[in-house]
Protein backbone atom coordinates (compact mmCIF):
# COMPACT_ATOMS: atom_id res chain seq x y z
CA MET A 1 -50.41 22.35 -9.78
CA SER A 2 -46.52 22.36 -9.53
CA ALA A 3 -44.20 22.14 -12.49
CA THR A 4 -42.93 18.84 -10.75
CA ALA A 5 -46.41 17.00 -11.05
CA THR A 6 -46.70 18.07 -14.47
CA MET A 7 -43.49 16.68 -15.76
CA PRO A 8 -43.40 12.88 -17.12
CA GLY A 9 -41.86 11.22 -14.08
CA GLY A 10 -44.53 12.88 -11.67
CA ARG A 11 -47.44 11.88 -14.13
CA LEU A 12 -45.99 8.46 -13.85
CA ARG A 13 -45.91 8.48 -10.08
CA ARG A 14 -49.60 9.65 -9.84
CA TRP A 15 -50.54 7.00 -12.43
CA LEU A 16 -48.83 4.30 -10.43
CA GLY A 17 -50.51 5.77 -7.24
CA ASN A 18 -53.77 4.73 -8.48
CA GLY A 19 -55.59 1.77 -6.55
CA LEU A 20 -56.63 0.01 -9.62
CA VAL A 21 -53.38 0.11 -11.40
CA GLN A 22 -51.74 -1.05 -7.90
CA ALA A 23 -54.13 -4.10 -7.71
CA PHE A 24 -53.41 -4.87 -11.42
CA LEU A 25 -49.59 -4.69 -10.67
CA ALA A 26 -50.03 -7.09 -7.69
CA VAL A 27 -52.02 -9.63 -9.86
CA VAL A 28 -49.04 -9.31 -12.54
CA GLY A 29 -46.52 -9.81 -9.48
CA LEU A 30 -48.32 -12.89 -7.92
CA VAL A 31 -48.49 -14.57 -11.67
CA TRP A 32 -44.78 -13.87 -12.20
CA VAL A 33 -43.89 -15.17 -8.93
CA THR A 34 -46.15 -18.18 -9.03
CA PRO A 35 -43.70 -20.46 -11.11
CA VAL A 36 -40.74 -19.18 -9.15
CA ALA A 37 -42.53 -20.36 -5.87
CA GLY A 38 -43.16 -23.62 -7.68
CA LEU A 39 -39.57 -24.08 -8.82
CA LEU A 40 -38.29 -23.59 -5.29
CA LEU A 41 -40.70 -25.84 -3.63
CA SER A 42 -40.07 -28.35 -6.38
CA SER A 43 -36.27 -27.89 -5.35
CA LEU A 44 -36.84 -28.90 -1.88
CA ARG A 45 -39.10 -31.98 -2.51
CA SER A 46 -37.54 -35.39 -3.28
CA ALA A 47 -37.70 -36.87 -6.66
CA SER A 48 -40.36 -39.37 -5.61
CA ASP A 49 -42.56 -36.79 -3.98
CA ASN A 50 -42.43 -34.52 -7.40
CA ALA A 51 -43.29 -37.53 -9.36
CA ALA A 52 -46.31 -38.39 -6.80
CA SER A 53 -47.90 -35.07 -6.90
CA GLY A 54 -47.60 -31.40 -8.10
CA TRP A 55 -45.59 -28.89 -6.05
CA TRP A 56 -48.34 -27.03 -4.53
CA THR A 57 -49.09 -30.03 -2.31
CA ALA A 58 -46.08 -28.72 -0.22
CA LEU A 59 -48.14 -25.80 1.05
CA THR A 60 -50.15 -28.17 2.97
CA GLY A 61 -47.75 -30.67 3.82
CA PRO A 62 -44.28 -28.84 4.66
CA GLY A 63 -42.95 -32.21 6.09
CA GLN A 64 -41.99 -32.99 2.23
CA LEU A 65 -39.45 -29.84 2.29
CA SER A 66 -35.80 -30.74 2.76
CA LEU A 67 -32.51 -29.38 1.95
CA ASP A 68 -31.20 -32.77 0.74
CA ASN A 69 -31.42 -31.53 -3.00
CA TYR A 70 -29.13 -28.88 -2.46
CA THR A 71 -26.88 -30.88 -0.36
CA ALA A 72 -26.59 -33.32 -3.39
CA LEU A 73 -26.13 -30.45 -5.69
CA LEU A 74 -23.05 -28.93 -4.07
CA GLY A 75 -21.57 -32.32 -3.96
CA ASN A 76 -22.03 -32.66 -7.75
CA ALA A 77 -18.70 -31.51 -9.36
CA GLY A 78 -20.16 -31.18 -12.81
CA ILE A 79 -22.61 -28.60 -11.45
CA THR A 80 -20.44 -26.52 -9.01
CA GLN A 81 -17.81 -26.24 -11.67
CA ALA A 82 -20.21 -25.14 -14.20
CA PHE A 83 -21.58 -22.38 -11.59
CA TRP A 84 -18.12 -21.16 -11.14
CA ASN A 85 -17.40 -21.05 -14.91
CA THR A 86 -20.67 -18.98 -15.11
CA VAL A 87 -19.19 -16.58 -12.63
CA LEU A 88 -15.80 -16.44 -14.29
CA ILE A 89 -17.56 -15.50 -17.57
CA SER A 90 -20.32 -13.09 -16.25
CA VAL A 91 -18.41 -10.93 -14.18
CA PRO A 92 -15.41 -10.24 -16.29
CA THR A 93 -17.53 -9.51 -19.31
CA THR A 94 -19.56 -7.13 -17.42
CA LEU A 95 -16.81 -5.36 -16.23
CA LEU A 96 -14.97 -5.11 -19.48
CA VAL A 97 -17.96 -4.02 -21.29
CA VAL A 98 -18.80 -1.19 -18.72
CA VAL A 99 -15.27 0.06 -18.58
CA VAL A 100 -14.69 0.02 -22.40
CA ALA A 101 -18.13 1.47 -23.08
CA ALA A 102 -17.47 4.24 -20.62
CA LEU A 103 -14.21 5.15 -22.13
CA ALA A 104 -15.58 5.22 -25.54
CA GLY A 105 -19.00 6.90 -24.55
CA TYR A 106 -16.94 9.65 -23.11
CA ALA A 107 -14.75 10.06 -26.12
CA PHE A 108 -17.58 10.06 -28.51
CA ALA A 109 -19.56 12.47 -26.44
CA TRP A 110 -17.05 15.06 -25.54
CA LEU A 111 -13.60 14.70 -27.25
CA GLU A 112 -12.86 15.94 -30.72
CA PHE A 113 -10.96 13.64 -33.04
CA PRO A 114 -11.09 13.18 -36.92
CA GLY A 115 -13.73 10.87 -38.16
CA ARG A 116 -15.45 10.80 -34.68
CA ASP A 117 -19.27 10.92 -36.03
CA TRP A 118 -18.50 8.45 -38.73
CA ILE A 119 -16.80 5.92 -36.40
CA PHE A 120 -19.64 6.06 -33.95
CA LEU A 121 -21.97 5.61 -36.85
CA GLY A 122 -20.25 2.42 -37.68
CA VAL A 123 -20.67 1.56 -33.94
CA VAL A 124 -24.43 2.19 -34.00
CA ALA A 125 -24.60 -0.04 -37.31
CA LEU A 126 -22.97 -3.17 -35.13
CA LEU A 127 -26.38 -2.98 -33.30
CA VAL A 128 -28.27 -4.62 -36.17
CA VAL A 129 -25.88 -7.46 -36.64
CA PRO A 130 -27.24 -10.43 -35.11
CA VAL A 131 -25.28 -12.84 -32.71
CA GLN A 132 -25.94 -15.86 -35.17
CA VAL A 133 -23.99 -14.39 -38.18
CA GLY A 134 -20.76 -14.12 -36.30
CA LEU A 135 -20.71 -17.55 -34.68
CA LEU A 136 -18.84 -19.53 -37.28
CA PRO A 137 -16.39 -16.90 -38.36
CA VAL A 138 -15.62 -16.11 -34.96
CA ALA A 139 -15.41 -20.05 -33.81
CA LYS A 140 -13.02 -20.64 -36.89
CA LEU A 141 -10.74 -17.66 -35.63
CA PHE A 142 -10.77 -18.78 -32.22
CA GLY A 143 -9.75 -22.13 -33.48
CA GLN A 144 -6.50 -20.57 -34.88
CA LEU A 145 -5.75 -18.41 -31.90
CA GLY A 146 -6.33 -21.43 -29.65
CA LEU A 147 -9.20 -19.73 -27.89
CA PHE A 148 -11.96 -21.93 -28.71
CA GLY A 149 -13.28 -23.94 -25.92
CA THR A 150 -11.83 -21.60 -23.30
CA ILE A 151 -13.70 -19.24 -20.83
CA PRO A 152 -11.63 -16.25 -22.23
CA GLY A 153 -12.82 -17.14 -25.59
CA VAL A 154 -16.54 -16.99 -24.26
CA VAL A 155 -15.77 -13.74 -22.41
CA LEU A 156 -14.11 -12.06 -25.77
CA PHE A 157 -17.40 -12.83 -27.69
CA HIS A 158 -19.67 -11.55 -25.11
CA VAL A 159 -17.55 -8.35 -24.88
CA ALA A 160 -17.64 -7.91 -28.59
CA TYR A 161 -21.37 -8.33 -29.05
CA GLY A 162 -22.13 -6.23 -26.13
CA LEU A 163 -20.13 -3.37 -26.64
CA PRO A 164 -22.02 -1.61 -29.53
CA PHE A 165 -25.26 -1.38 -27.46
CA ALA A 166 -23.27 -0.28 -24.26
CA VAL A 167 -21.26 2.40 -26.15
CA PHE A 168 -24.44 3.74 -27.75
CA LEU A 169 -26.25 3.98 -24.24
CA LEU A 170 -23.47 5.53 -22.29
CA ARG A 171 -22.49 8.15 -25.29
CA ASN A 172 -26.07 9.38 -25.49
CA TYR A 173 -26.24 9.35 -21.47
CA PHE A 174 -22.81 11.43 -21.29
CA ALA A 175 -23.86 13.54 -24.13
CA ASP A 176 -26.73 15.15 -21.83
CA ILE A 177 -24.48 16.24 -19.11
CA PRO A 178 -24.23 19.95 -19.32
CA ARG A 179 -21.36 21.28 -21.23
CA GLU A 180 -21.00 24.11 -18.70
CA MET A 181 -20.01 21.55 -15.87
CA LEU A 182 -17.12 20.04 -18.12
CA GLU A 183 -15.83 23.60 -18.92
CA ALA A 184 -15.84 24.63 -15.33
CA ALA A 185 -13.85 21.51 -14.64
CA ARG A 186 -11.38 22.18 -17.56
CA MET A 187 -10.92 25.72 -16.20
CA ASP A 188 -10.00 24.45 -12.65
CA GLY A 189 -7.06 22.54 -14.31
CA GLY A 190 -8.83 19.33 -14.48
CA GLY A 191 -7.67 16.74 -17.43
CA GLU A 192 -9.55 14.69 -19.30
CA TRP A 193 -8.98 11.47 -17.08
CA ARG A 194 -9.93 13.35 -14.12
CA ILE A 195 -13.05 14.66 -15.45
CA LEU A 196 -14.14 11.32 -16.40
CA THR A 197 -13.50 9.65 -13.27
CA GLN A 198 -14.59 12.43 -10.90
CA LEU A 199 -17.38 14.20 -12.69
CA VAL A 200 -18.81 12.09 -15.77
CA LEU A 201 -18.73 8.79 -14.08
CA PRO A 202 -20.51 9.72 -10.96
CA VAL A 203 -23.27 11.52 -12.88
CA GLY A 204 -23.68 8.78 -15.07
CA ARG A 205 -23.86 6.10 -12.41
CA PRO A 206 -27.51 5.30 -12.97
CA ALA A 207 -26.81 4.63 -16.64
CA ILE A 208 -23.65 2.57 -15.85
CA ALA A 209 -25.76 0.56 -13.27
CA SER A 210 -28.55 -0.28 -15.77
CA LEU A 211 -25.77 -1.19 -18.32
CA ALA A 212 -24.29 -3.46 -15.94
CA ILE A 213 -27.56 -5.16 -14.79
CA PHE A 214 -28.53 -5.81 -18.54
CA GLN A 215 -25.16 -7.22 -19.46
CA PHE A 216 -24.69 -9.19 -16.49
CA LEU A 217 -28.41 -10.85 -16.96
CA TRP A 218 -27.76 -11.51 -20.62
CA VAL A 219 -24.60 -13.47 -20.11
CA TRP A 220 -25.68 -15.17 -17.15
CA ASN A 221 -28.49 -16.47 -18.88
CA ASP A 222 -26.99 -17.12 -22.16
CA MET A 223 -26.47 -20.75 -23.52
CA LEU A 224 -26.31 -20.23 -27.22
CA VAL A 225 -22.82 -18.76 -27.22
CA ALA A 226 -21.56 -21.34 -24.71
CA LEU A 227 -22.78 -24.23 -26.55
CA LEU A 228 -20.45 -23.45 -29.27
CA PHE A 229 -17.60 -21.69 -27.64
CA ALA A 230 -17.18 -23.56 -24.37
CA ASP A 231 -16.09 -27.21 -24.05
CA SER A 232 -16.88 -29.48 -20.99
CA SER A 233 -14.32 -27.86 -18.75
CA SER A 234 -15.65 -24.27 -19.47
CA GLN A 235 -19.08 -24.67 -19.85
CA PRO A 236 -21.54 -22.42 -17.78
CA LEU A 237 -24.56 -23.59 -15.75
CA THR A 238 -26.94 -23.19 -18.36
CA VAL A 239 -25.24 -25.65 -20.55
CA GLU A 240 -24.72 -27.95 -17.67
CA LEU A 241 -28.24 -28.01 -16.77
CA GLN A 242 -29.26 -28.80 -20.44
CA SER A 243 -26.61 -31.81 -20.49
CA GLN A 244 -28.40 -33.12 -17.23
CA ILE A 245 -31.76 -33.04 -19.44
CA ARG A 246 -30.36 -34.89 -22.14
CA GLN A 247 -28.37 -37.44 -20.06
CA PHE A 248 -30.84 -38.13 -17.34
CA GLY A 249 -34.22 -37.08 -18.63
CA SER A 250 -36.60 -35.89 -15.82
CA ASN A 251 -34.22 -35.87 -12.97
CA ILE A 252 -35.99 -33.04 -11.12
CA ASP A 253 -34.01 -33.47 -7.98
CA VAL A 254 -30.89 -32.05 -9.83
CA LEU A 255 -32.56 -29.76 -12.51
CA ALA A 256 -35.14 -27.79 -9.94
CA PRO A 257 -32.17 -26.88 -7.35
CA GLY A 258 -29.78 -26.12 -10.34
CA ALA A 259 -32.33 -23.95 -12.06
CA PHE A 260 -33.31 -22.20 -8.98
CA LEU A 261 -29.57 -21.50 -8.09
CA SER A 262 -28.98 -20.27 -11.83
CA LEU A 263 -32.10 -17.87 -11.18
CA ILE A 264 -31.65 -16.59 -7.76
CA VAL A 265 -28.18 -14.93 -8.32
CA PRO A 266 -29.30 -12.54 -11.30
CA VAL A 267 -32.32 -11.53 -8.74
CA VAL A 268 -29.82 -10.50 -6.02
CA VAL A 269 -27.77 -8.67 -8.50
CA PHE A 270 -30.73 -6.86 -9.74
CA PHE A 271 -31.95 -5.95 -6.30
CA ALA A 272 -28.73 -5.16 -5.22
CA PHE A 273 -28.59 -2.31 -8.12
CA GLN A 274 -32.20 -1.72 -7.75
CA ARG A 275 -32.07 1.97 -6.69
CA HIS A 276 -29.68 3.11 -9.33
CA PHE A 277 -31.67 0.85 -12.18
CA VAL A 278 -34.77 2.93 -11.41
CA GLN A 279 -33.03 6.20 -11.34
CA GLY A 280 -31.61 5.31 -14.78
CA VAL A 281 -34.96 4.59 -16.06
CA MET A 282 -36.76 7.35 -14.76
CA ALA A 283 -33.83 9.73 -15.78
CA GLY A 284 -34.42 8.37 -19.42
CA SER A 285 -38.09 8.96 -19.13
CA VAL A 286 -37.99 12.71 -18.47
CA LYS A 287 -35.01 13.63 -20.97
């Protein structure tokens, strides 16, 4: 048996290649897809059809399906504004967290400066601080700074609470890069910035992609932070859909397409970075 086959990654691939395991995974996938399919079909049916019968009846009666709900949704100013607010919150937050964490992770892994280990220990300690602890103090601070109820305020809160895990993840990944590679780059005249951008970041691409996916999904689906820090002009899609439930009750013709729109964007992002994400997970399994 080859050495590759005996490694954790090789054993995992052999185990996943088992027919019984594949059948089990297929059943799990079907169970996971069923409510998503139900949401999609409900979003394509009229409110009267949804009230009269279950979504599964559309499988035998495709004439119930139309894009009218999505047309009405795109004409709903509140929903469309909330969607773009979600984009304006999620994308800058993800970029800021990844950039700052990459810089800090490289510094903690490979730069020598006074108190480095103690500062990193403080960053790790912040991982145990729950979000709920900082809601009221930060809300008071944002009120004094004029950031309360604004998109930058929501972005800053997400960045602050996303950085500890991001720095911890990237620092540990960067620390596993062989020291000889960095020393060779320094002998060739490369500065720290060049080493970071041309060596460390390309090598750490799987970890960075995994971090970006996790951060984007967490911010895109967040409602707690947005409920407190966003007002009616800056609230994301999750809060807007929640307000639709409170105001109109069972308006499924608005909630179903809105929820599916909120769902499909993270799915597209995940599959766009799937290759790098899997590489990061597999790399972590064999280290």
